């Protein structure tokens, strides 16, 4: 992988985002991190440039993407929680900035509740999807809207659909499927490895794979 590629990171202060940031540093990647609260990002490293801002602000997103070739987002609702429409708002801002700046690669994660025309969801995934719509209808619908925005764009996106994330240092490897979630969970380091691999792996360009641990 070309280590000189500068990466724009969104959601790097979240629980799984911290594993992504640490893995990027371990692998020697240069990146810019969008940070709402500087107190939540204390890393001092010449490989990292911190951009203070919010994904809901187009100007701040554009500033993040300046000079970058790839955008990675592990965006969550955060603390304090963002509005339930933050996912579509953030992706609208990212797509607009990517088009203006000529950035082509966008890698982001979402829940397994998002549906695509290629799905053959089994009972567990179907149940989890229904549960999310019943308990978190606004954010779940917004996640689906985010997928639609991606499909309507011209950029090279990969939307990674996830089961429960285990915050552990243990790696077991990753399984991927275009039809149904292949497992009940994934370790945060495996997620980080898979996300970073998508920078150069074009297998899932303009696709939304499910992934899980082996």
N, C-alpha and C. Protein backbone atom coordinates (compact mmCIF):
# COMPACT_ATOMS: atom_id res chain seq x y z
N UNK A 1 0.83 -1.20 0.00
CA UNK A 1 0.00 0.00 0.00
C UNK A 1 0.87 1.25 0.00
N UNK A 2 0.44 2.26 -0.77
CA UNK A 2 1.21 3.49 -0.82
C UNK A 2 1.02 4.28 0.47
N UNK A 3 2.06 4.34 1.29
CA UNK A 3 1.95 4.99 2.59
C UNK A 3 1.86 6.50 2.48
N UNK A 4 2.21 7.06 1.29
CA UNK A 4 2.18 8.52 1.18
C UNK A 4 0.77 9.06 0.93
N UNK A 5 -0.20 8.18 0.72
CA UNK A 5 -1.58 8.62 0.55
C UNK A 5 -2.06 9.25 1.85
N UNK A 6 -2.54 10.49 1.76
CA UNK A 6 -3.08 11.12 2.97
C UNK A 6 -4.57 10.80 3.07
N UNK A 7 -4.99 10.42 4.26
CA UNK A 7 -6.34 9.94 4.51
C UNK A 7 -7.09 10.92 5.40
N UNK A 8 -8.33 11.21 5.06
CA UNK A 8 -9.21 12.00 5.93
C UNK A 8 -10.03 11.04 6.79
N UNK A 9 -9.96 11.20 8.10
CA UNK A 9 -10.63 10.29 9.03
C UNK A 9 -11.75 11.02 9.77
N UNK A 10 -12.94 10.44 9.73
CA UNK A 10 -14.10 10.93 10.46
C UNK A 10 -14.50 9.85 11.46
N UNK A 11 -14.77 10.24 12.69
CA UNK A 11 -15.16 9.27 13.71
C UNK A 11 -13.98 8.61 14.40
N UNK A 12 -12.82 9.24 14.34
CA UNK A 12 -11.62 8.65 14.92
C UNK A 12 -11.55 8.68 16.43
N UNK A 13 -12.45 9.39 17.08
CA UNK A 13 -12.44 9.44 18.55
C UNK A 13 -13.46 8.48 19.17
N UNK A 14 -14.23 7.78 18.34
CA UNK A 14 -15.20 6.82 18.85
C UNK A 14 -14.53 5.55 19.32
N UNK A 15 -15.33 4.64 19.86
CA UNK A 15 -14.78 3.41 20.44
C UNK A 15 -14.03 2.59 19.41
N UNK A 16 -14.63 2.35 18.24
CA UNK A 16 -13.94 1.60 17.19
C UNK A 16 -12.99 2.50 16.41
N UNK A 17 -13.30 3.80 16.37
CA UNK A 17 -12.44 4.74 15.66
C UNK A 17 -11.04 4.82 16.25
N UNK A 18 -10.94 4.65 17.56
CA UNK A 18 -9.63 4.71 18.21
C UNK A 18 -8.73 3.56 17.74
N UNK A 19 -9.33 2.39 17.50
CA UNK A 19 -8.57 1.27 16.96
C UNK A 19 -8.11 1.57 15.54
N UNK A 20 -8.97 2.21 14.76
CA UNK A 20 -8.59 2.60 13.40
C UNK A 20 -7.40 3.55 13.43
N UNK A 21 -7.48 4.57 14.27
CA UNK A 21 -6.40 5.55 14.37
C UNK A 21 -5.08 4.88 14.77
N UNK A 22 -5.14 4.02 15.76
CA UNK A 22 -3.92 3.35 16.21
C UNK A 22 -3.33 2.45 15.13
N UNK A 23 -4.19 1.78 14.37
CA UNK A 23 -3.71 0.92 13.29
C UNK A 23 -3.11 1.74 12.16
N UNK A 24 -3.72 2.86 11.84
CA UNK A 24 -3.14 3.74 10.82
C UNK A 24 -1.74 4.19 11.23
N UNK A 25 -1.59 4.54 12.49
CA UNK A 25 -0.28 4.98 12.99
C UNK A 25 0.73 3.82 12.95
N UNK A 26 0.30 2.64 13.37
CA UNK A 26 1.19 1.48 13.36
C UNK A 26 1.68 1.17 11.95
N UNK A 27 0.83 1.40 10.97
CA UNK A 27 1.18 1.11 9.58
C UNK A 27 1.86 2.28 8.87
N UNK A 28 2.03 3.40 9.58
CA UNK A 28 2.77 4.52 9.03
C UNK A 28 2.01 5.40 8.06
N UNK A 29 0.69 5.44 8.19
CA UNK A 29 -0.13 6.26 7.29
C UNK A 29 -0.21 7.71 7.77
N UNK A 30 -0.18 8.64 6.84
CA UNK A 30 -0.44 10.05 7.13
C UNK A 30 -1.95 10.28 7.05
N UNK A 31 -2.51 10.96 8.05
CA UNK A 31 -3.94 11.23 7.99
C UNK A 31 -4.31 12.51 8.73
N UNK A 32 -5.48 13.03 8.34
CA UNK A 32 -6.08 14.17 9.01
C UNK A 32 -7.33 13.66 9.74
N UNK A 33 -7.54 14.08 10.97
CA UNK A 33 -8.66 13.60 11.78
C UNK A 33 -9.59 14.76 12.11
N UNK A 34 -10.87 14.60 11.78
CA UNK A 34 -11.87 15.59 12.16
C UNK A 34 -12.30 15.33 13.59
N UNK A 35 -12.13 16.32 14.46
CA UNK A 35 -12.37 16.14 15.90
C UNK A 35 -13.29 17.24 16.40
N UNK A 36 -14.44 16.84 16.99
CA UNK A 36 -15.36 17.83 17.56
C UNK A 36 -14.81 18.43 18.83
N UNK A 37 -14.30 17.58 19.71
CA UNK A 37 -13.79 18.01 21.01
C UNK A 37 -12.32 17.63 21.12
N UNK A 38 -11.41 18.62 21.09
CA UNK A 38 -9.97 18.32 21.15
C UNK A 38 -9.57 17.51 22.37
N UNK A 39 -10.35 17.58 23.45
CA UNK A 39 -10.02 16.81 24.65
C UNK A 39 -10.11 15.30 24.41
N UNK A 40 -10.87 14.93 23.37
CA UNK A 40 -11.06 13.51 23.07
C UNK A 40 -9.99 12.95 22.15
N UNK A 41 -9.05 13.80 21.72
CA UNK A 41 -8.00 13.33 20.82
C UNK A 41 -6.68 13.92 21.30
N UNK A 42 -5.94 13.15 22.05
CA UNK A 42 -4.71 13.65 22.69
C UNK A 42 -3.44 13.16 22.01
N UNK A 43 -3.57 12.44 20.90
CA UNK A 43 -2.39 11.89 20.22
C UNK A 43 -1.56 13.01 19.61
N UNK A 44 -0.28 12.98 19.87
CA UNK A 44 0.67 13.91 19.25
C UNK A 44 1.62 13.08 18.40
N UNK A 45 1.52 13.20 17.09
CA UNK A 45 2.32 12.40 16.19
C UNK A 45 2.47 13.16 14.87
N UNK A 46 3.66 13.18 14.29
CA UNK A 46 3.84 13.91 13.03
C UNK A 46 3.03 13.34 11.87
N UNK A 47 2.52 12.12 12.02
CA UNK A 47 1.69 11.53 10.97
C UNK A 47 0.26 12.05 10.99
N UNK A 48 -0.11 12.75 12.07
CA UNK A 48 -1.51 13.15 12.27
C UNK A 48 -1.66 14.67 12.24
N UNK A 49 -2.67 15.11 11.51
CA UNK A 49 -3.07 16.52 11.53
C UNK A 49 -4.52 16.58 12.04
N UNK A 50 -4.75 17.32 13.10
CA UNK A 50 -6.09 17.42 13.68
C UNK A 50 -6.81 18.62 13.08
N UNK A 51 -8.03 18.39 12.63
CA UNK A 51 -8.90 19.45 12.13
C UNK A 51 -10.08 19.55 13.08
N UNK A 52 -10.20 20.66 13.78
CA UNK A 52 -11.32 20.84 14.72
C UNK A 52 -12.57 21.16 13.92
N UNK A 53 -13.62 20.38 14.16
CA UNK A 53 -14.85 20.64 13.42
C UNK A 53 -15.84 19.51 13.56
N UNK A 54 -16.94 19.64 12.82
CA UNK A 54 -18.07 18.73 12.90
C UNK A 54 -18.45 18.30 11.50
N UNK A 55 -18.80 17.03 11.34
CA UNK A 55 -19.16 16.53 10.02
C UNK A 55 -20.44 17.19 9.50
N UNK A 56 -21.20 17.80 10.40
CA UNK A 56 -22.40 18.51 9.98
C UNK A 56 -22.13 19.86 9.34
N UNK A 57 -20.88 20.32 9.38
CA UNK A 57 -20.50 21.60 8.79
C UNK A 57 -19.76 21.35 7.48
N UNK A 58 -20.33 21.83 6.37
CA UNK A 58 -19.69 21.59 5.08
C UNK A 58 -18.30 22.22 5.01
N UNK A 59 -18.15 23.42 5.51
CA UNK A 59 -16.87 24.10 5.46
C UNK A 59 -15.78 23.33 6.21
N UNK A 60 -16.15 22.77 7.35
CA UNK A 60 -15.17 22.02 8.15
C UNK A 60 -14.84 20.67 7.49
N UNK A 61 -15.82 20.06 6.85
CA UNK A 61 -15.56 18.82 6.11
C UNK A 61 -14.64 19.09 4.92
N UNK A 62 -14.89 20.17 4.21
CA UNK A 62 -14.04 20.51 3.07
C UNK A 62 -12.61 20.78 3.52
N UNK A 63 -12.46 21.45 4.65
CA UNK A 63 -11.12 21.71 5.20
C UNK A 63 -10.42 20.39 5.53
N UNK A 64 -11.17 19.42 6.07
CA UNK A 64 -10.61 18.11 6.37
C UNK A 64 -10.09 17.43 5.11
N UNK A 65 -10.86 17.49 4.04
CA UNK A 65 -10.53 16.75 2.82
C UNK A 65 -9.44 17.39 1.98
N UNK A 66 -9.11 18.64 2.25
CA UNK A 66 -8.07 19.32 1.49
C UNK A 66 -6.76 18.52 1.56
N UNK A 67 -6.22 18.18 0.40
CA UNK A 67 -4.94 17.47 0.35
C UNK A 67 -5.03 15.98 0.55
N UNK A 68 -6.24 15.43 0.71
CA UNK A 68 -6.40 14.00 0.94
C UNK A 68 -6.85 13.28 -0.34
N UNK A 69 -6.59 11.97 -0.39
CA UNK A 69 -6.99 11.14 -1.52
C UNK A 69 -8.05 10.13 -1.16
N UNK A 70 -8.25 9.89 0.13
CA UNK A 70 -9.19 8.88 0.61
C UNK A 70 -9.91 9.44 1.83
N UNK A 71 -11.21 9.11 1.95
CA UNK A 71 -11.99 9.46 3.14
C UNK A 71 -12.43 8.17 3.81
N UNK A 72 -12.18 8.06 5.12
CA UNK A 72 -12.64 6.94 5.92
C UNK A 72 -13.53 7.48 7.04
N UNK A 73 -14.71 6.90 7.19
CA UNK A 73 -15.63 7.34 8.25
C UNK A 73 -16.12 6.16 9.07
N UNK A 74 -15.88 6.23 10.38
CA UNK A 74 -16.50 5.32 11.34
C UNK A 74 -17.41 6.15 12.24
N UNK A 75 -18.15 7.03 11.64
CA UNK A 75 -18.99 7.98 12.36
C UNK A 75 -20.07 7.28 13.18
N UNK A 76 -20.18 7.70 14.45
CA UNK A 76 -21.28 7.29 15.30
C UNK A 76 -22.05 8.51 15.74
N UNK A 77 -23.01 8.33 16.64
CA UNK A 77 -23.76 9.50 17.10
C UNK A 77 -22.94 10.38 18.03
N UNK A 78 -21.93 9.77 18.71
CA UNK A 78 -21.01 10.56 19.52
C UNK A 78 -21.58 10.95 20.87
N UNK A 79 -20.72 11.64 21.65
CA UNK A 79 -21.08 12.17 22.97
C UNK A 79 -20.64 13.63 23.04
N UNK A 80 -21.56 14.58 23.27
CA UNK A 80 -23.01 14.41 23.31
C UNK A 80 -23.54 13.94 21.97
N UNK A 81 -24.69 13.26 21.96
CA UNK A 81 -25.18 12.67 20.72
C UNK A 81 -25.54 13.70 19.66
N UNK A 82 -25.16 13.39 18.43
CA UNK A 82 -25.54 14.22 17.29
C UNK A 82 -26.99 13.93 16.91
N UNK A 83 -27.61 14.76 16.08
CA UNK A 83 -28.97 14.47 15.63
C UNK A 83 -29.03 13.13 14.89
N UNK A 84 -30.17 12.45 14.88
CA UNK A 84 -30.27 11.14 14.22
C UNK A 84 -30.09 11.21 12.71
N UNK A 85 -30.10 12.43 12.15
CA UNK A 85 -29.89 12.60 10.71
C UNK A 85 -28.43 12.90 10.37
N UNK A 86 -27.52 12.72 11.33
CA UNK A 86 -26.12 13.09 11.12
C UNK A 86 -25.46 12.26 10.03
N UNK A 87 -25.92 11.04 9.81
CA UNK A 87 -25.27 10.16 8.83
C UNK A 87 -25.50 10.64 7.40
N UNK A 88 -26.74 10.96 7.07
CA UNK A 88 -27.00 11.48 5.72
C UNK A 88 -26.44 12.88 5.57
N UNK A 89 -26.53 13.70 6.63
CA UNK A 89 -25.96 15.05 6.56
C UNK A 89 -24.46 14.99 6.34
N UNK A 90 -23.79 14.13 7.11
CA UNK A 90 -22.35 14.00 6.97
C UNK A 90 -21.96 13.51 5.59
N UNK A 91 -22.66 12.51 5.09
CA UNK A 91 -22.31 11.97 3.77
C UNK A 91 -22.61 12.98 2.67
N UNK A 92 -23.69 13.74 2.80
CA UNK A 92 -23.94 14.80 1.81
C UNK A 92 -22.75 15.77 1.77
N UNK A 93 -22.27 16.17 2.94
CA UNK A 93 -21.15 17.11 3.00
C UNK A 93 -19.88 16.48 2.44
N UNK A 94 -19.64 15.22 2.77
CA UNK A 94 -18.45 14.54 2.26
C UNK A 94 -18.51 14.42 0.74
N UNK A 95 -19.64 13.99 0.21
CA UNK A 95 -19.76 13.82 -1.24
C UNK A 95 -19.58 15.14 -1.97
N UNK A 96 -20.16 16.20 -1.43
CA UNK A 96 -20.02 17.52 -2.05
C UNK A 96 -18.56 17.96 -2.07
N UNK A 97 -17.88 17.78 -0.94
CA UNK A 97 -16.47 18.17 -0.85
C UNK A 97 -15.61 17.30 -1.75
N UNK A 98 -15.90 16.01 -1.81
CA UNK A 98 -15.14 15.11 -2.68
C UNK A 98 -15.26 15.54 -4.14
N UNK A 99 -16.47 15.87 -4.56
CA UNK A 99 -16.67 16.31 -5.94
C UNK A 99 -15.92 17.61 -6.24
N UNK A 100 -15.94 18.54 -5.29
CA UNK A 100 -15.28 19.82 -5.50
C UNK A 100 -13.76 19.68 -5.52
N UNK A 101 -13.23 18.76 -4.70
CA UNK A 101 -11.79 18.62 -4.55
C UNK A 101 -11.19 17.50 -5.40
N UNK A 102 -12.04 16.73 -6.07
CA UNK A 102 -11.54 15.65 -6.92
C UNK A 102 -11.09 14.41 -6.15
N UNK A 103 -11.64 14.20 -4.95
CA UNK A 103 -11.32 13.01 -4.16
C UNK A 103 -12.29 11.90 -4.59
N UNK A 104 -11.78 10.69 -4.81
CA UNK A 104 -12.62 9.64 -5.38
C UNK A 104 -13.00 8.50 -4.43
N UNK A 105 -12.20 8.23 -3.39
CA UNK A 105 -12.42 7.01 -2.59
C UNK A 105 -13.02 7.35 -1.23
N UNK A 106 -14.16 6.71 -0.92
CA UNK A 106 -14.89 6.93 0.33
C UNK A 106 -15.22 5.57 0.94
N UNK A 107 -14.71 5.31 2.14
CA UNK A 107 -14.91 4.04 2.84
C UNK A 107 -15.60 4.36 4.16
N UNK A 108 -16.74 3.76 4.40
CA UNK A 108 -17.48 4.08 5.62
C UNK A 108 -18.19 2.84 6.14
N UNK A 109 -18.57 2.91 7.41
CA UNK A 109 -19.20 1.77 8.08
C UNK A 109 -20.61 2.13 8.52
N UNK A 110 -21.46 1.11 8.59
CA UNK A 110 -22.84 1.30 9.01
C UNK A 110 -23.31 0.02 9.69
N UNK A 111 -24.58 -0.01 10.09
CA UNK A 111 -25.13 -1.19 10.74
C UNK A 111 -25.61 -2.22 9.73
N UNK A 112 -25.85 -3.44 10.21
CA UNK A 112 -26.34 -4.48 9.31
C UNK A 112 -27.80 -4.28 8.93
N UNK A 113 -28.46 -3.27 9.54
CA UNK A 113 -29.85 -2.99 9.23
C UNK A 113 -30.04 -2.37 7.85
N UNK A 114 -28.99 -1.77 7.28
CA UNK A 114 -29.12 -1.18 5.95
C UNK A 114 -29.37 -2.27 4.92
N UNK A 115 -30.33 -2.03 4.03
CA UNK A 115 -30.67 -3.02 3.02
C UNK A 115 -30.23 -2.61 1.63
N UNK A 116 -29.89 -3.60 0.79
CA UNK A 116 -29.54 -3.37 -0.61
C UNK A 116 -30.34 -4.35 -1.48
N UNK A 117 -30.39 -4.12 -2.79
CA UNK A 117 -31.12 -5.04 -3.67
C UNK A 117 -30.50 -6.43 -3.75
N UNK A 118 -29.27 -6.59 -3.25
CA UNK A 118 -28.56 -7.86 -3.39
C UNK A 118 -28.68 -8.74 -2.13
N UNK A 119 -29.41 -8.28 -1.14
CA UNK A 119 -29.46 -8.98 0.14
C UNK A 119 -30.32 -10.25 0.09
N UNK A 120 -29.88 -11.23 0.90
CA UNK A 120 -30.68 -12.40 1.22
C UNK A 120 -30.51 -12.61 2.73
N UNK A 121 -31.02 -11.67 3.49
CA UNK A 121 -30.81 -11.68 4.93
C UNK A 121 -31.48 -12.89 5.58
N UNK A 122 -30.71 -13.55 6.45
CA UNK A 122 -31.24 -14.67 7.21
C UNK A 122 -32.03 -14.20 8.41
N UNK A 123 -32.53 -15.14 9.23
CA UNK A 123 -33.39 -14.79 10.37
C UNK A 123 -32.74 -13.83 11.36
N UNK A 124 -31.46 -14.04 11.71
CA UNK A 124 -30.80 -13.18 12.69
C UNK A 124 -30.68 -11.75 12.18
N UNK A 125 -30.24 -11.60 10.94
CA UNK A 125 -30.06 -10.26 10.39
C UNK A 125 -31.40 -9.58 10.17
N UNK A 126 -32.39 -10.34 9.76
CA UNK A 126 -33.74 -9.79 9.57
C UNK A 126 -34.31 -9.32 10.90
N UNK A 127 -34.12 -10.12 11.96
CA UNK A 127 -34.59 -9.73 13.29
C UNK A 127 -33.88 -8.47 13.76
N UNK A 128 -32.55 -8.42 13.59
CA UNK A 128 -31.79 -7.25 14.03
C UNK A 128 -32.21 -5.99 13.28
N UNK A 129 -32.51 -6.15 11.99
CA UNK A 129 -32.97 -5.01 11.19
C UNK A 129 -34.31 -4.50 11.72
N UNK A 130 -35.25 -5.40 11.96
CA UNK A 130 -36.57 -5.01 12.48
C UNK A 130 -36.45 -4.36 13.85
N UNK A 131 -35.55 -4.89 14.69
CA UNK A 131 -35.35 -4.34 16.03
C UNK A 131 -34.84 -2.91 15.95
N UNK A 132 -33.93 -2.65 15.05
CA UNK A 132 -33.39 -1.29 14.89
C UNK A 132 -34.48 -0.33 14.41
N UNK A 133 -35.29 -0.75 13.47
CA UNK A 133 -36.36 0.12 12.98
C UNK A 133 -37.39 0.40 14.07
N UNK A 134 -37.61 -0.58 14.95
CA UNK A 134 -38.59 -0.39 16.02
C UNK A 134 -38.05 0.51 17.12
N UNK A 135 -36.78 0.38 17.46
CA UNK A 135 -36.22 1.10 18.60
C UNK A 135 -35.48 2.39 18.23
N UNK A 136 -34.93 2.46 17.04
CA UNK A 136 -34.19 3.66 16.59
C UNK A 136 -34.63 4.03 15.17
N UNK A 137 -35.92 4.33 15.00
CA UNK A 137 -36.44 4.51 13.63
C UNK A 137 -35.80 5.66 12.86
N UNK A 138 -35.55 6.77 13.53
CA UNK A 138 -35.03 7.93 12.81
C UNK A 138 -33.61 7.70 12.29
N UNK A 139 -32.73 7.24 13.18
CA UNK A 139 -31.34 7.02 12.75
C UNK A 139 -31.24 5.85 11.79
N UNK A 140 -32.09 4.83 11.95
CA UNK A 140 -32.06 3.68 11.04
C UNK A 140 -32.51 4.09 9.64
N UNK A 141 -33.57 4.87 9.55
CA UNK A 141 -34.00 5.38 8.25
C UNK A 141 -32.94 6.29 7.64
N UNK A 142 -32.24 7.04 8.49
CA UNK A 142 -31.20 7.93 7.98
C UNK A 142 -30.02 7.15 7.44
N UNK A 143 -29.70 6.03 8.07
CA UNK A 143 -28.64 5.15 7.55
C UNK A 143 -29.01 4.64 6.16
N UNK A 144 -30.29 4.30 5.97
CA UNK A 144 -30.73 3.82 4.66
C UNK A 144 -30.65 4.94 3.63
N UNK A 145 -31.01 6.15 4.04
CA UNK A 145 -30.88 7.31 3.15
C UNK A 145 -29.43 7.52 2.75
N UNK A 146 -28.52 7.34 3.70
CA UNK A 146 -27.09 7.48 3.40
C UNK A 146 -26.68 6.53 2.27
N UNK A 147 -27.16 5.29 2.34
CA UNK A 147 -26.85 4.33 1.28
C UNK A 147 -27.38 4.82 -0.07
N UNK A 148 -28.59 5.35 -0.07
CA UNK A 148 -29.15 5.85 -1.34
C UNK A 148 -28.32 7.00 -1.90
N UNK A 149 -27.87 7.89 -1.03
CA UNK A 149 -27.02 9.00 -1.49
C UNK A 149 -25.74 8.48 -2.13
N UNK A 150 -25.17 7.44 -1.56
CA UNK A 150 -23.96 6.85 -2.13
C UNK A 150 -24.25 6.28 -3.51
N UNK A 151 -25.34 5.54 -3.65
CA UNK A 151 -25.64 4.91 -4.94
C UNK A 151 -25.93 5.94 -6.02
N UNK A 152 -26.40 7.10 -5.62
CA UNK A 152 -26.71 8.16 -6.59
C UNK A 152 -25.49 9.00 -6.94
N UNK A 153 -24.38 8.79 -6.22
CA UNK A 153 -23.16 9.56 -6.47
C UNK A 153 -22.31 8.88 -7.54
N UNK A 154 -21.25 9.56 -7.95
CA UNK A 154 -20.34 9.00 -8.95
C UNK A 154 -19.00 8.60 -8.35
N UNK A 155 -18.88 8.65 -7.02
CA UNK A 155 -17.59 8.38 -6.41
C UNK A 155 -17.43 6.87 -6.10
N UNK A 156 -16.21 6.47 -5.79
CA UNK A 156 -15.91 5.07 -5.51
C UNK A 156 -16.07 4.80 -4.01
N UNK A 157 -17.27 4.46 -3.61
CA UNK A 157 -17.57 4.23 -2.20
C UNK A 157 -17.57 2.74 -1.87
N UNK A 158 -17.35 2.44 -0.59
CA UNK A 158 -17.58 1.10 -0.04
C UNK A 158 -18.25 1.30 1.31
N UNK A 159 -19.45 0.77 1.46
CA UNK A 159 -20.21 0.87 2.70
C UNK A 159 -20.15 -0.48 3.42
N UNK A 160 -19.45 -0.52 4.54
CA UNK A 160 -19.21 -1.77 5.26
C UNK A 160 -20.29 -1.95 6.32
N UNK A 161 -21.04 -3.05 6.22
CA UNK A 161 -22.13 -3.30 7.17
C UNK A 161 -21.65 -4.24 8.28
N UNK A 162 -21.93 -3.82 9.53
CA UNK A 162 -21.29 -4.45 10.68
C UNK A 162 -22.28 -5.04 11.67
N UNK A 163 -21.90 -6.18 12.31
CA UNK A 163 -22.60 -6.65 13.49
C UNK A 163 -22.03 -5.96 14.73
N UNK A 164 -22.20 -6.52 15.89
CA UNK A 164 -21.64 -5.95 17.12
C UNK A 164 -20.12 -5.91 17.05
N UNK A 165 -19.54 -4.81 17.54
CA UNK A 165 -18.09 -4.65 17.53
C UNK A 165 -17.54 -4.97 18.92
N UNK A 166 -16.59 -5.88 18.98
CA UNK A 166 -15.95 -6.24 20.25
C UNK A 166 -14.69 -5.41 20.43
N UNK A 167 -14.61 -4.68 21.54
CA UNK A 167 -13.46 -3.83 21.82
C UNK A 167 -12.38 -4.68 22.49
N UNK A 168 -11.61 -5.36 21.69
CA UNK A 168 -10.58 -6.28 22.16
C UNK A 168 -9.34 -6.08 21.31
N UNK A 169 -8.21 -6.55 21.81
CA UNK A 169 -6.98 -6.47 21.03
C UNK A 169 -6.75 -7.72 20.19
N UNK A 170 -7.61 -8.70 20.32
CA UNK A 170 -7.43 -9.98 19.61
C UNK A 170 -7.99 -9.89 18.19
N UNK A 171 -7.24 -10.46 17.26
CA UNK A 171 -7.67 -10.53 15.87
C UNK A 171 -8.01 -11.97 15.51
N UNK A 172 -9.05 -12.17 14.70
CA UNK A 172 -9.42 -13.51 14.25
C UNK A 172 -9.55 -13.60 12.74
N UNK A 173 -9.43 -12.46 12.06
CA UNK A 173 -9.65 -12.44 10.61
C UNK A 173 -11.07 -12.02 10.28
N UNK A 174 -11.34 -11.81 9.00
CA UNK A 174 -12.62 -11.25 8.55
C UNK A 174 -13.25 -12.12 7.47
N UNK A 175 -14.55 -12.32 7.58
CA UNK A 175 -15.34 -12.92 6.52
C UNK A 175 -16.24 -11.84 5.94
N UNK A 176 -16.51 -11.89 4.64
CA UNK A 176 -17.35 -10.89 3.99
C UNK A 176 -18.41 -11.58 3.14
N UNK A 177 -19.56 -10.94 3.03
CA UNK A 177 -20.66 -11.46 2.21
C UNK A 177 -21.46 -10.30 1.67
N UNK A 178 -21.95 -10.44 0.46
CA UNK A 178 -22.83 -9.42 -0.12
C UNK A 178 -24.30 -9.69 0.19
N UNK A 179 -24.61 -10.85 0.79
CA UNK A 179 -26.01 -11.24 0.95
C UNK A 179 -26.52 -11.20 2.38
N UNK A 180 -25.67 -11.62 3.34
CA UNK A 180 -26.11 -11.72 4.73
C UNK A 180 -24.90 -11.60 5.64
N UNK A 181 -25.14 -11.14 6.87
CA UNK A 181 -24.03 -11.00 7.80
C UNK A 181 -23.48 -12.39 8.16
N UNK A 182 -22.18 -12.62 7.96
CA UNK A 182 -21.62 -13.96 8.14
C UNK A 182 -21.23 -14.30 9.58
N UNK A 183 -21.64 -13.50 10.55
CA UNK A 183 -21.30 -13.80 11.94
C UNK A 183 -21.97 -12.82 12.88
N UNK A 184 -21.81 -13.07 14.18
CA UNK A 184 -22.51 -12.27 15.20
C UNK A 184 -21.72 -11.06 15.67
N UNK A 185 -20.42 -11.00 15.34
CA UNK A 185 -19.62 -9.88 15.82
C UNK A 185 -18.31 -9.77 15.07
N UNK A 186 -17.61 -8.68 15.34
CA UNK A 186 -16.30 -8.46 14.74
C UNK A 186 -15.43 -7.72 15.75
N UNK A 187 -14.16 -8.09 15.83
CA UNK A 187 -13.23 -7.42 16.72
C UNK A 187 -12.81 -6.08 16.11
N UNK A 188 -12.69 -5.07 16.95
CA UNK A 188 -12.34 -3.73 16.46
C UNK A 188 -11.04 -3.72 15.66
N UNK A 189 -10.00 -4.47 16.05
CA UNK A 189 -8.78 -4.48 15.23
C UNK A 189 -9.00 -5.10 13.85
N UNK A 190 -9.86 -6.12 13.76
CA UNK A 190 -10.18 -6.71 12.46
C UNK A 190 -10.93 -5.71 11.58
N UNK A 191 -11.84 -4.96 12.20
CA UNK A 191 -12.54 -3.92 11.46
C UNK A 191 -11.54 -2.89 10.93
N UNK A 192 -10.63 -2.45 11.77
CA UNK A 192 -9.63 -1.47 11.35
C UNK A 192 -8.80 -2.00 10.18
N UNK A 193 -8.36 -3.25 10.28
CA UNK A 193 -7.56 -3.85 9.21
C UNK A 193 -8.34 -3.90 7.89
N UNK A 194 -9.61 -4.30 7.98
CA UNK A 194 -10.42 -4.42 6.77
C UNK A 194 -10.66 -3.05 6.13
N UNK A 195 -11.00 -2.07 6.96
CA UNK A 195 -11.23 -0.72 6.45
C UNK A 195 -10.00 -0.20 5.72
N UNK A 196 -8.85 -0.33 6.33
CA UNK A 196 -7.62 0.17 5.71
C UNK A 196 -7.29 -0.58 4.43
N UNK A 197 -7.57 -1.88 4.40
CA UNK A 197 -7.31 -2.67 3.19
C UNK A 197 -8.12 -2.18 2.00
N UNK A 198 -9.27 -1.56 2.27
CA UNK A 198 -10.14 -1.11 1.19
C UNK A 198 -9.61 0.14 0.47
N UNK A 199 -8.58 0.74 1.01
CA UNK A 199 -7.97 1.88 0.33
C UNK A 199 -7.47 1.48 -1.05
N UNK A 200 -6.90 0.29 -1.14
CA UNK A 200 -6.34 -0.17 -2.41
C UNK A 200 -7.06 -1.39 -2.98
N UNK A 201 -7.81 -2.12 -2.14
CA UNK A 201 -8.56 -3.29 -2.62
C UNK A 201 -9.86 -2.80 -3.26
N UNK A 202 -10.03 -3.07 -4.54
CA UNK A 202 -11.19 -2.55 -5.27
C UNK A 202 -12.33 -3.56 -5.38
N UNK A 203 -12.25 -4.65 -4.64
CA UNK A 203 -13.26 -5.71 -4.72
C UNK A 203 -14.67 -5.18 -4.42
N UNK A 204 -14.77 -4.29 -3.45
CA UNK A 204 -16.08 -3.83 -3.00
C UNK A 204 -16.36 -2.37 -3.36
N UNK A 205 -15.76 -1.88 -4.43
CA UNK A 205 -16.06 -0.51 -4.87
C UNK A 205 -17.53 -0.44 -5.30
N UNK A 206 -18.23 0.56 -4.78
CA UNK A 206 -19.66 0.78 -5.04
C UNK A 206 -20.50 -0.42 -4.60
N UNK A 207 -20.07 -1.06 -3.52
CA UNK A 207 -20.80 -2.19 -2.95
C UNK A 207 -20.88 -2.01 -1.43
N UNK A 208 -21.78 -2.81 -0.81
CA UNK A 208 -22.00 -2.71 0.64
C UNK A 208 -21.88 -4.10 1.26
N UNK A 209 -20.66 -4.58 1.46
CA UNK A 209 -20.49 -5.91 2.04
C UNK A 209 -20.82 -5.96 3.53
N UNK A 210 -21.38 -7.09 3.98
CA UNK A 210 -21.40 -7.41 5.40
C UNK A 210 -20.04 -8.00 5.75
N UNK A 211 -19.54 -7.70 6.95
CA UNK A 211 -18.35 -8.39 7.42
C UNK A 211 -18.55 -8.85 8.86
N UNK A 212 -17.80 -9.88 9.24
CA UNK A 212 -17.82 -10.39 10.61
C UNK A 212 -16.51 -11.13 10.85
N UNK A 213 -16.22 -11.43 12.10
CA UNK A 213 -15.02 -12.17 12.44
C UNK A 213 -15.11 -13.63 12.03
N UNK A 214 -13.98 -14.24 11.88
CA UNK A 214 -13.92 -15.67 11.53
C UNK A 214 -14.19 -16.56 12.76
